[in-house]
PDB file of N, CA and C in Angstrom:
ATOM      1  N   MET A   1      84.666 178.536  31.227  1.00  0.00           N
ATOM      2  CA  MET A   1      86.104 178.794  31.444  1.00  0.00           C
ATOM      3  C   MET A   1      86.612 179.731  30.382  1.00  0.00           C
ATOM      4  N   GLU A   2      87.494 180.566  30.760  1.00  0.00           N
ATOM      5  CA  GLU A   2      88.085 181.497  29.784  1.00  0.00           C
ATOM      6  C   GLU A   2      89.625 181.326  29.793  1.00  0.00           C
ATOM      7  N   ARG A   3      90.206 181.739  28.673  1.00  0.00           N
ATOM      8  CA  ARG A   3      91.659 181.704  28.542  1.00  0.00           C
ATOM      9  C   ARG A   3      92.123 183.012  27.992  1.00  0.00           C
ATOM     10  N   GLU A   4      93.336 183.399  28.406  1.00  0.00           N
ATOM     11  CA  GLU A   4      93.949 184.581  27.855  1.00  0.00           C
ATOM     12  C   GLU A   4      95.233 184.202  27.156  1.00  0.00           C
ATOM     13  N   VAL A   5      95.439 184.766  25.944  1.00  0.00           N
ATOM     14  CA  VAL A   5      96.705 184.543  25.210  1.00  0.00           C
ATOM     15  C   VAL A   5      97.143 185.917  24.700  1.00  0.00           C
ATOM     16  N   THR A   6      98.441 186.069  24.523  1.00  0.00           N
ATOM     17  CA  THR A   6      98.965 187.358  24.057  1.00  0.00           C
ATOM     18  C   THR A   6      99.724 187.066  22.755  1.00  0.00           C
ATOM     19  N   ASP A   7      99.353 187.900  21.746  1.00  0.00           N
ATOM     20  CA  ASP A   7     100.000 187.703  20.426  1.00  0.00           C
ATOM     21  C   ASP A   7     101.335 188.482  20.345  1.00  0.00           C
ATOM     22  N   SER A   8     101.978 188.373  19.198  1.00  0.00           N
ATOM     23  CA  SER A   8     103.284 188.999  18.986  1.00  0.00           C
ATOM     24  C   SER A   8     103.234 190.513  19.000  1.00  0.00           C
ATOM     25  N   ASP A   9     102.043 191.095  18.815  1.00  0.00           N
ATOM     26  CA  ASP A   9     101.868 192.582  18.849  1.00  0.00           C
ATOM     27  C   ASP A   9     101.580 193.069  20.266  1.00  0.00           C
ATOM     28  N   GLY A  10     101.563 192.150  21.245  1.00  0.00           N
ATOM     29  CA  GLY A  10     101.279 192.510  22.630  1.00  0.00           C
ATOM     30  C   GLY A  10      99.787 192.637  22.955  1.00  0.00           C
ATOM     31  N   ILE A  11      98.939 192.240  22.052  1.00  0.00           N
ATOM     32  CA  ILE A  11      97.504 192.274  22.331  1.00  0.00           C
ATOM     33  C   ILE A  11      97.102 191.011  23.088  1.00  0.00           C
ATOM     34  N   THR A  12      96.448 191.224  24.187  1.00  0.00           N
ATOM     35  CA  THR A  12      95.960 190.079  25.003  1.00  0.00           C
ATOM     36  C   THR A  12      94.526 189.798  24.585  1.00  0.00           C
ATOM     37  N   TRP A  13      94.306 188.561  24.223  1.00  0.00           N
ATOM     38  CA  TRP A  13      92.989 188.104  23.801  1.00  0.00           C
ATOM     39  C   TRP A  13      92.362 187.262  24.926  1.00  0.00           C
ATOM     40  N   THR A  14      91.125 187.578  25.291  1.00  0.00           N
ATOM     41  CA  THR A  14      90.406 186.807  26.316  1.00  0.00           C
ATOM     42  C   THR A  14      89.358 186.015  25.538  1.00  0.00           C
ATOM     43  N   CYS A  15      89.460 184.686  25.648  1.00  0.00           N
ATOM     44  CA  CYS A  15      88.602 183.781  24.884  1.00  0.00           C
ATOM     45  C   CYS A  15      87.643 183.003  25.831  1.00  0.00           C
ATOM     46  N   VAL A  16      86.379 182.945  25.421  1.00  0.00           N
ATOM     47  CA  VAL A  16      85.391 182.246  26.227  1.00  0.00           C
ATOM     48  C   VAL A  16      84.434 181.544  25.256  1.00  0.00           C
ATOM     49  N   GLN A  17      83.970 180.331  25.650  1.00  0.00           N
ATOM     50  CA  GLN A  17      83.078 179.624  24.813  1.00  0.00           C
ATOM     51  C   GLN A  17      81.787 180.359  24.591  1.00  0.00           C
ATOM     52  N   ALA A  18      81.389 180.558  23.354  1.00  0.00           N
ATOM     53  CA  ALA A  18      80.208 181.335  23.027  1.00  0.00           C
ATOM     54  C   ALA A  18      78.983 180.735  23.669  1.00  0.00           C
ATOM     55  N   LEU A  19      78.105 181.505  24.184  1.00  0.00           N
ATOM     56  CA  LEU A  19      76.799 181.110  24.735  1.00  0.00           C
ATOM     57  C   LEU A  19      76.960 180.115  25.868  1.00  0.00           C
ATOM     58  N   SER A  20      78.090 180.122  26.522  1.00  0.00           N
ATOM     59  CA  SER A  20      78.334 179.144  27.605  1.00  0.00           C
ATOM     60  C   SER A  20      77.386 179.247  28.750  1.00  0.00           C
ATOM     61  N   GLY A  21      76.786 180.425  28.943  1.00  0.00           N
ATOM     62  CA  GLY A  21      75.854 180.546  30.024  1.00  0.00           C
ATOM     63  C   GLY A  21      74.503 180.034  29.712  1.00  0.00           C
ATOM     64  N   ILE A  22      74.203 179.772  28.441  1.00  0.00           N
ATOM     65  CA  ILE A  22      72.879 179.309  28.034  1.00  0.00           C
ATOM     66  C   ILE A  22      72.858 177.811  28.021  1.00  0.00           C
ATOM     67  N   SER A  23      73.612 177.179  27.133  1.00  0.00           N
ATOM     68  CA  SER A  23      73.684 175.707  27.129  1.00  0.00           C
ATOM     69  C   SER A  23      74.875 175.275  26.285  1.00  0.00           C
ATOM     70  N   ASP A  24      75.360 174.079  26.563  1.00  0.00           N
ATOM     71  CA  ASP A  24      76.435 173.517  25.824  1.00  0.00           C
ATOM     72  C   ASP A  24      76.034 173.346  24.360  1.00  0.00           C
ATOM     73  N   GLU A  25      74.839 172.941  24.138  1.00  0.00           N
ATOM     74  CA  GLU A  25      74.321 172.678  22.770  1.00  0.00           C
ATOM     75  C   GLU A  25      74.302 173.967  21.951  1.00  0.00           C
ATOM     76  N   ALA A  26      73.984 175.133  22.597  1.00  0.00           N
ATOM     77  CA  ALA A  26      73.969 176.393  21.869  1.00  0.00           C
ATOM     78  C   ALA A  26      75.349 176.778  21.311  1.00  0.00           C
ATOM     79  N   ALA A  27      76.369 176.432  22.049  1.00  0.00           N
ATOM     80  CA  ALA A  27      77.735 176.776  21.621  1.00  0.00           C
ATOM     81  C   ALA A  27      78.302 175.739  20.646  1.00  0.00           C
ATOM     82  N   HIS A  28      77.707 174.605  20.483  1.00  0.00           N
ATOM     83  CA  HIS A  28      78.184 173.539  19.645  1.00  0.00           C
ATOM     84  C   HIS A  28      78.011 173.945  18.135  1.00  0.00           C
ATOM     85  N   VAL A  29      79.016 173.659  17.340  1.00  0.00           N
ATOM     86  CA  VAL A  29      78.967 173.904  15.898  1.00  0.00           C
ATOM     87  C   VAL A  29      78.092 172.829  15.283  1.00  0.00           C
ATOM     88  N   LYS A  30      76.990 173.245  14.697  1.00  0.00           N
ATOM     89  CA  LYS A  30      76.063 172.248  14.074  1.00  0.00           C
ATOM     90  C   LYS A  30      76.745 171.449  12.999  1.00  0.00           C
ATOM     91  N   GLY A  31      76.515 170.150  12.994  1.00  0.00           N
ATOM     92  CA  GLY A  31      77.058 169.278  11.967  1.00  0.00           C
ATOM     93  C   GLY A  31      78.449 168.788  12.245  1.00  0.00           C
ATOM     94  N   GLU A  32      79.058 169.216  13.362  1.00  0.00           N
ATOM     95  CA  GLU A  32      80.415 168.769  13.678  1.00  0.00           C
ATOM     96  C   GLU A  32      80.403 168.171  15.079  1.00  0.00           C
ATOM     97  N   GLU A  33      80.964 166.980  15.189  1.00  0.00           N
ATOM     98  CA  GLU A  33      80.886 166.176  16.406  1.00  0.00           C
ATOM     99  C   GLU A  33      81.475 166.867  17.631  1.00  0.00           C
ATOM    100  N   ASP A  34      82.676 167.401  17.527  1.00  0.00           N
ATOM    101  CA  ASP A  34      83.344 167.909  18.700  1.00  0.00           C
ATOM    102  C   ASP A  34      83.947 169.295  18.421  1.00  0.00           C
ATOM    103  N   ALA A  35      83.092 170.273  18.019  1.00  0.00           N
ATOM    104  CA  ALA A  35      83.592 171.620  17.729  1.00  0.00           C
ATOM    105  C   ALA A  35      82.648 172.611  18.379  1.00  0.00           C
ATOM    106  N   TYR A  36      83.213 173.692  18.900  1.00  0.00           N
ATOM    107  CA  TYR A  36      82.464 174.711  19.593  1.00  0.00           C
ATOM    108  C   TYR A  36      82.861 176.078  19.156  1.00  0.00           C
ATOM    109  N   TRP A  37      81.937 177.045  19.203  1.00  0.00           N
ATOM    110  CA  TRP A  37      82.254 178.429  18.923  1.00  0.00           C
ATOM    111  C   TRP A  37      82.844 179.071  20.172  1.00  0.00           C
ATOM    112  N   VAL A  38      83.941 179.773  19.948  1.00  0.00           N
ATOM    113  CA  VAL A  38      84.624 180.482  20.983  1.00  0.00           C
ATOM    114  C   VAL A  38      84.778 181.934  20.551  1.00  0.00           C
ATOM    115  N   VAL A  39      84.441 182.860  21.438  1.00  0.00           N
ATOM    116  CA  VAL A  39      84.591 184.311  21.122  1.00  0.00           C
ATOM    117  C   VAL A  39      85.826 184.808  21.830  1.00  0.00           C
ATOM    118  N   CYS A  40      86.696 185.509  21.060  1.00  0.00           N
ATOM    119  CA  CYS A  40      87.935 186.034  21.591  1.00  0.00           C
ATOM    120  C   CYS A  40      87.858 187.578  21.491  1.00  0.00           C
ATOM    121  N   THR A  41      88.059 188.235  22.617  1.00  0.00           N
ATOM    122  CA  THR A  41      87.959 189.688  22.676  1.00  0.00           C
ATOM    123  C   THR A  41      89.331 190.241  23.017  1.00  0.00           C
ATOM    124  N   PRO A  42      89.813 191.170  22.204  1.00  0.00           N
ATOM    125  CA  PRO A  42      91.186 191.722  22.383  1.00  0.00           C
ATOM    126  C   PRO A  42      91.237 192.938  23.323  1.00  0.00           C
ATOM    127  N   SER A  43      92.384 193.136  23.880  1.00  0.00           N
ATOM    128  CA  SER A  43      92.659 194.410  24.579  1.00  0.00           C
ATOM    129  C   SER A  43      93.005 195.459  23.495  1.00  0.00           C
ATOM    130  N   GLY A  44      92.872 196.682  23.817  1.00  0.00           N
ATOM    131  CA  GLY A  44      93.355 197.706  22.906  1.00  0.00           C
ATOM    132  C   GLY A  44      92.448 198.089  21.777  1.00  0.00           C
ATOM    133  N   GLY A  45      91.199 197.666  21.764  1.00  0.00           N
ATOM    134  CA  GLY A  45      90.231 198.163  20.808  1.00  0.00           C
ATOM    135  C   GLY A  45      90.105 197.447  19.508  1.00  0.00           C
ATOM    136  N   ALA A  46      90.848 196.390  19.277  1.00  0.00           N
ATOM    137  CA  ALA A  46      90.666 195.583  18.051  1.00  0.00           C
ATOM    138  C   ALA A  46      89.296 194.886  18.114  1.00  0.00           C
ATOM    139  N   GLN A  47      88.840 194.349  16.989  1.00  0.00           N
ATOM    140  CA  GLN A  47      87.557 193.710  16.948  1.00  0.00           C
ATOM    141  C   GLN A  47      87.546 192.286  17.448  1.00  0.00           C
ATOM    142  N   SER A  48      86.498 191.917  18.179  1.00  0.00           N
ATOM    143  CA  SER A  48      86.375 190.540  18.651  1.00  0.00           C
ATOM    144  C   SER A  48      86.162 189.565  17.484  1.00  0.00           C
ATOM    145  N   VAL A  49      86.556 188.339  17.656  1.00  0.00           N
ATOM    146  CA  VAL A  49      86.391 187.325  16.613  1.00  0.00           C
ATOM    147  C   VAL A  49      85.735 186.081  17.176  1.00  0.00           C
ATOM    148  N   ARG A  50      85.077 185.353  16.315  1.00  0.00           N
ATOM    149  CA  ARG A  50      84.496 184.043  16.680  1.00  0.00           C
ATOM    150  C   ARG A  50      85.290 182.987  15.943  1.00  0.00           C
ATOM    151  N   VAL A  51      85.783 182.017  16.715  1.00  0.00           N
ATOM    152  CA  VAL A  51      86.567 180.945  16.110  1.00  0.00           C
ATOM    153  C   VAL A  51      85.936 179.588  16.469  1.00  0.00           C
ATOM    154  N   LYS A  52      86.205 178.598  15.592  1.00  0.00           N
ATOM    155  CA  LYS A  52      85.712 177.248  15.796  1.00  0.00           C
ATOM    156  C   LYS A  52      86.872 176.412  16.327  1.00  0.00           C
ATOM    157  N   LEU A  53      86.648 175.829  17.524  1.00  0.00           N
ATOM    158  CA  LEU A  53      87.749 175.075  18.194  1.00  0.00           C
ATOM    159  C   LEU A  53      87.202 173.741  18.655  1.00  0.00           C
ATOM    160  N   PRO A  54      88.086 172.770  18.893  1.00  0.00           N
ATOM    161  CA  PRO A  54      87.657 171.472  19.434  1.00  0.00           C
ATOM    162  C   PRO A  54      87.074 171.604  20.837  1.00  0.00           C
ATOM    163  N   GLY A  55      86.286 170.647  21.241  1.00  0.00           N
ATOM    164  CA  GLY A  55      85.574 170.680  22.530  1.00  0.00           C
ATOM    165  C   GLY A  55      86.515 170.793  23.703  1.00  0.00           C
ATOM    166  N   ASN A  56      87.719 170.361  23.615  1.00  0.00           N
ATOM    167  CA  ASN A  56      88.679 170.394  24.739  1.00  0.00           C
ATOM    168  C   ASN A  56      89.657 171.589  24.620  1.00  0.00           C
ATOM    169  N   TRP A  57      89.206 172.670  23.934  1.00  0.00           N
ATOM    170  CA  TRP A  57      90.117 173.774  23.671  1.00  0.00           C
ATOM    171  C   TRP A  57      90.654 174.470  24.920  1.00  0.00           C
ATOM    172  N   GLU A  58      89.917 174.426  26.014  1.00  0.00           N
ATOM    173  CA  GLU A  58      90.317 175.116  27.232  1.00  0.00           C
ATOM    174  C   GLU A  58      91.620 174.539  27.766  1.00  0.00           C
ATOM    175  N   THR A  59      91.817 173.252  27.641  1.00  0.00           N
ATOM    176  CA  THR A  59      93.009 172.582  28.205  1.00  0.00           C
ATOM    177  C   THR A  59      93.992 172.045  27.206  1.00  0.00           C
ATOM    178  N   ASP A  60      93.471 171.584  26.050  1.00  0.00           N
ATOM    179  CA  ASP A  60      94.343 170.920  25.121  1.00  0.00           C
ATOM    180  C   ASP A  60      94.827 171.741  23.945  1.00  0.00           C
ATOM    181  N   CYS A  61      94.180 172.891  23.668  1.00  0.00           N
ATOM    182  CA  CYS A  61      94.594 173.727  22.557  1.00  0.00           C
ATOM    183  C   CYS A  61      95.777 174.608  23.017  1.00  0.00           C
ATOM    184  N   SER A  62      96.894 174.571  22.280  1.00  0.00           N
ATOM    185  CA  SER A  62      98.013 175.386  22.638  1.00  0.00           C
ATOM    186  C   SER A  62      97.743 176.843  22.424  1.00  0.00           C
ATOM    187  N   ASP A  63      98.522 177.677  23.066  1.00  0.00           N
ATOM    188  CA  ASP A  63      98.417 179.130  22.832  1.00  0.00           C
ATOM    189  C   ASP A  63      98.641 179.451  21.366  1.00  0.00           C
ATOM    190  N   GLU A  64      99.597 178.800  20.754  1.00  0.00           N
ATOM    191  CA  GLU A  64      99.922 179.042  19.379  1.00  0.00           C
ATOM    192  C   GLU A  64      98.726 178.673  18.440  1.00  0.00           C
ATOM    193  N   ALA A  65      98.087 177.569  18.728  1.00  0.00           N
ATOM    194  CA  ALA A  65      96.931 177.096  17.945  1.00  0.00           C
ATOM    195  C   ALA A  65      95.764 178.113  18.095  1.00  0.00           C
ATOM    196  N   LEU A  66      95.577 178.617  19.322  1.00  0.00           N
ATOM    197  CA  LEU A  66      94.535 179.593  19.580  1.00  0.00           C
ATOM    198  C   LEU A  66      94.809 180.914  18.844  1.00  0.00           C
ATOM    199  N   LEU A  67      96.064 181.333  18.923  1.00  0.00           N
ATOM    200  CA  LEU A  67      96.453 182.579  18.205  1.00  0.00           C
ATOM    201  C   LEU A  67      96.341 182.413  16.672  1.00  0.00           C
ATOM    202  N   ASP A  68      96.679 181.204  16.167  1.00  0.00           N
ATOM    203  CA  ASP A  68      96.523 180.934  14.739  1.00  0.00           C
ATOM    204  C   ASP A  68      95.076 181.016  14.322  1.00  0.00           C
ATOM    205  N   ALA A  69      94.167 180.486  15.110  1.00  0.00           N
ATOM    206  CA  ALA A  69      92.727 180.527  14.800  1.00  0.00           C
ATOM    207  C   ALA A  69      92.214 181.989  14.818  1.00  0.00           C
ATOM    208  N   ILE A  70      92.690 182.779  15.784  1.00  0.00           N
ATOM    209  CA  ILE A  70      92.329 184.202  15.867  1.00  0.00           C
ATOM    210  C   ILE A  70      92.849 184.928  14.636  1.00  0.00           C
ATOM    211  N   ALA A  71      94.102 184.721  14.293  1.00  0.00           N
ATOM    212  CA  ALA A  71      94.718 185.372  13.107  1.00  0.00           C
ATOM    213  C   ALA A  71      93.976 185.024  11.852  1.00  0.00           C
ATOM    214  N   ALA A  72      93.565 183.790  11.693  1.00  0.00           N
ATOM    215  CA  ALA A  72      92.837 183.357  10.498  1.00  0.00           C
ATOM    216  C   ALA A  72      91.524 184.134  10.349  1.00  0.00           C
ATOM    217  N   GLN A  73      90.853 184.425  11.469  1.00  0.00           N
ATOM    218  CA  GLN A  73      89.607 185.156  11.403  1.00  0.00           C
ATOM    219  C   GLN A  73      89.808 186.659  11.209  1.00  0.00           C
ATOM    220  N   ASN A  74      90.986 187.145  11.476  1.00  0.00           N
ATOM    221  CA  ASN A  74      91.301 188.583  11.320  1.00  0.00           C
ATOM    222  C   ASN A  74      91.735 188.971   9.886  1.00  0.00           C
ATOM    223  N   GLN A  75      91.812 187.993   9.031  1.00  0.00           N
ATOM    224  CA  GLN A  75      92.285 188.264   7.659  1.00  0.00           C
ATOM    225  C   GLN A  75      91.185 188.824   6.778  1.00  0.00           C
TER     226      GLN A  75
END
């Protein structure tokens, strides 16, 4: 599953669980019970980022929390 969020600069980020086509275990953050790597790719040529999110990020993570995670990786 993928999600799209738009930040305050008008950049739309498309986020998808990393390695989701391979296996759930491959995307799982080692050593953490319920955390997965998610790759977010922006519109407009900015660099993609990899963020660590809870396992239920697709439905339970707010747009604001997703954008905060992206912003933290862009610093």
